[in-house]
Protein backbone atom coordinates (compact mmCIF):
# COMPACT_ATOMS: atom_id res chain seq x y z
CA MET A 1 -21.48 3.00 3.85
CA SER A 2 -22.36 0.12 1.63
CA CYS A 3 -20.91 -1.18 -1.58
CA VAL A 4 -22.08 -3.59 -4.25
CA CYS A 5 -19.47 -5.44 -6.28
CA TYR A 6 -20.33 -7.07 -9.63
CA ILE A 7 -17.73 -9.82 -9.87
CA SER A 8 -17.49 -13.51 -10.69
CA ASP A 9 -13.88 -14.30 -9.67
CA MET A 10 -14.32 -16.10 -6.34
CA ILE A 11 -10.71 -15.67 -5.18
CA PHE A 12 -10.71 -11.96 -5.91
CA THR A 13 -14.16 -11.69 -4.30
CA SER A 14 -12.66 -13.05 -1.09
CA LYS A 15 -9.94 -10.38 -1.12
CA ILE A 16 -12.49 -7.60 -1.63
CA ARG A 17 -14.77 -9.00 1.12
CA HIS A 18 -11.86 -9.19 3.56
CA THR A 19 -10.79 -5.62 2.80
CA ALA A 20 -14.34 -4.31 3.14
CA LYS A 21 -14.71 -6.04 6.49
CA ASP A 22 -11.41 -4.55 7.70
CA VAL A 23 -12.57 -0.99 6.96
CA GLY A 24 -16.17 -1.47 8.12
CA VAL A 25 -17.93 -1.38 4.76
CA ALA A 26 -21.05 -3.45 4.14
CA LEU A 27 -20.38 -5.34 0.92
CA ASP A 28 -22.75 -7.28 -1.30
CA CYS A 29 -21.03 -9.24 -4.07
CA VAL A 30 -23.26 -10.09 -7.01
CA SER A 31 -22.72 -11.92 -10.27
CA SER A 32 -25.92 -11.42 -12.26
CA LEU A 33 -28.00 -8.52 -13.47
CA ALA A 34 -31.00 -9.60 -11.39
CA THR A 35 -28.97 -9.66 -8.18
CA THR A 36 -27.34 -6.34 -9.12
CA SER A 37 -30.71 -4.69 -9.46
CA THR A 38 -31.96 -6.23 -6.21
CA ALA A 39 -28.83 -5.14 -4.33
CA LEU A 40 -29.19 -1.57 -5.62
CA ASP A 41 -32.85 -1.49 -4.60
CA HIS A 42 -32.36 -2.95 -1.12
CA ASN A 43 -29.02 -1.51 -0.08
CA THR A 44 -28.88 1.89 -1.83
CA PRO A 45 -25.08 1.58 -1.97
CA ASP A 46 -22.69 4.49 -2.19
CA LEU A 47 -20.43 2.59 -4.56
CA LEU A 48 -20.76 -0.03 -7.27
CA ILE A 49 -17.54 -1.80 -8.23
CA VAL A 50 -17.65 -3.60 -11.57
CA ASP A 51 -15.12 -6.17 -12.75
CA MET A 52 -15.18 -5.64 -16.51
CA GLU A 53 -14.08 -9.24 -17.03
CA ALA A 54 -16.84 -10.75 -14.90
CA SER A 55 -19.07 -13.31 -16.50
CA GLY A 56 -22.51 -12.11 -17.49
CA ASP A 57 -22.84 -8.54 -18.67
CA PRO A 58 -20.79 -5.99 -16.70
CA LEU A 59 -21.77 -3.19 -19.09
CA ALA A 60 -25.44 -3.82 -18.38
CA ALA A 61 -24.66 -3.69 -14.65
CA ILE A 62 -23.19 -0.22 -15.18
CA HIS A 63 -26.29 0.83 -17.13
CA ILE A 64 -28.60 -0.48 -14.40
CA ALA A 65 -26.71 1.47 -11.75
CA ARG A 66 -26.42 4.63 -13.86
CA ASN A 67 -30.19 4.64 -14.42
CA HIS A 68 -31.14 3.69 -10.87
CA GLN A 69 -33.30 6.02 -8.82
CA HIS A 70 -30.35 6.58 -6.47
CA PRO A 71 -27.29 5.96 -8.67
CA PRO A 72 -24.13 5.10 -6.77
CA ARG A 73 -20.63 6.11 -7.74
CA ILE A 74 -19.50 3.50 -10.29
CA LEU A 75 -15.94 2.25 -10.42
CA ALA A 76 -15.02 -0.25 -13.13
CA PHE A 77 -11.72 -2.08 -13.26
CA TYR A 78 -10.09 -4.03 -16.06
CA ALA A 79 -6.96 -5.96 -16.99
CA HIS A 80 -4.45 -3.40 -18.28
CA VAL A 81 -4.20 -5.18 -21.65
CA ARG A 82 -7.96 -4.82 -22.22
CA THR A 83 -8.18 -1.13 -23.03
CA ASP A 84 -11.29 -1.93 -25.06
CA LEU A 85 -13.07 -2.78 -21.80
CA ALA A 86 -11.88 0.46 -20.23
CA GLU A 87 -13.33 2.47 -23.09
CA ALA A 88 -16.58 0.49 -22.98
CA ALA A 89 -16.91 1.16 -19.23
CA ARG A 90 -16.38 4.89 -19.76
CA ASN A 91 -18.94 4.93 -22.56
CA ALA A 92 -21.43 3.05 -20.37
CA GLY A 93 -21.18 5.74 -17.70
CA ALA A 94 -18.67 4.52 -15.11
CA ASP A 95 -17.45 7.41 -12.97
CA ASP A 96 -13.99 5.92 -12.58
CA VAL A 97 -12.20 3.32 -14.70
CA TRP A 98 -9.02 1.82 -13.27
CA PRO A 99 -6.64 -0.89 -14.36
CA ARG A 100 -6.80 -3.91 -12.04
CA SER A 101 -3.35 -3.12 -10.58
CA LYS A 102 -4.47 0.35 -9.45
CA PHE A 103 -7.69 -1.11 -8.07
CA VAL A 104 -5.78 -3.69 -6.03
CA ASN A 105 -3.30 -1.09 -4.76
CA GLU A 106 -5.97 1.44 -3.80
CA LEU A 107 -8.80 -0.84 -2.65
CA THR A 108 -8.30 -0.20 1.06
CA ALA A 109 -8.04 3.57 0.58
CA LEU A 110 -11.03 3.56 -1.78
CA LEU A 111 -13.28 1.77 0.68
CA ALA A 112 -11.94 3.70 3.67
CA SER A 113 -12.56 7.04 1.94
CA THR A 114 -16.15 6.19 1.20
CA THR A 115 -16.80 5.29 4.85
CA SER A 116 -15.63 8.74 5.90
CA THR A 117 -18.36 10.42 3.80
CA GLU A 118 -21.24 9.06 5.88
């Protein structure tokens, strides 16, 4: 199983990388649309995680993935006070939209469950 994560928060990136390593998931963290597209093309990931507060254009990252030849499951997360970002992620085509607290609490289970579908 592989996962691409569109994120710009370096501290949070480290937590996600560590969790992915613990459950045996190949993870590619990206922070631009060009690297998102490249990662989708080269890795054909099962899951794209999008931080809706990442710098750049997280909505465009969702659009790129949604329109990819092999679209992955898309999970977007947002700060609970930014319900506007949650709605925007849903409208852009994210399969799942979670508040950051749920994402943090369920990250291990999320990544572990996707490894069991190989």
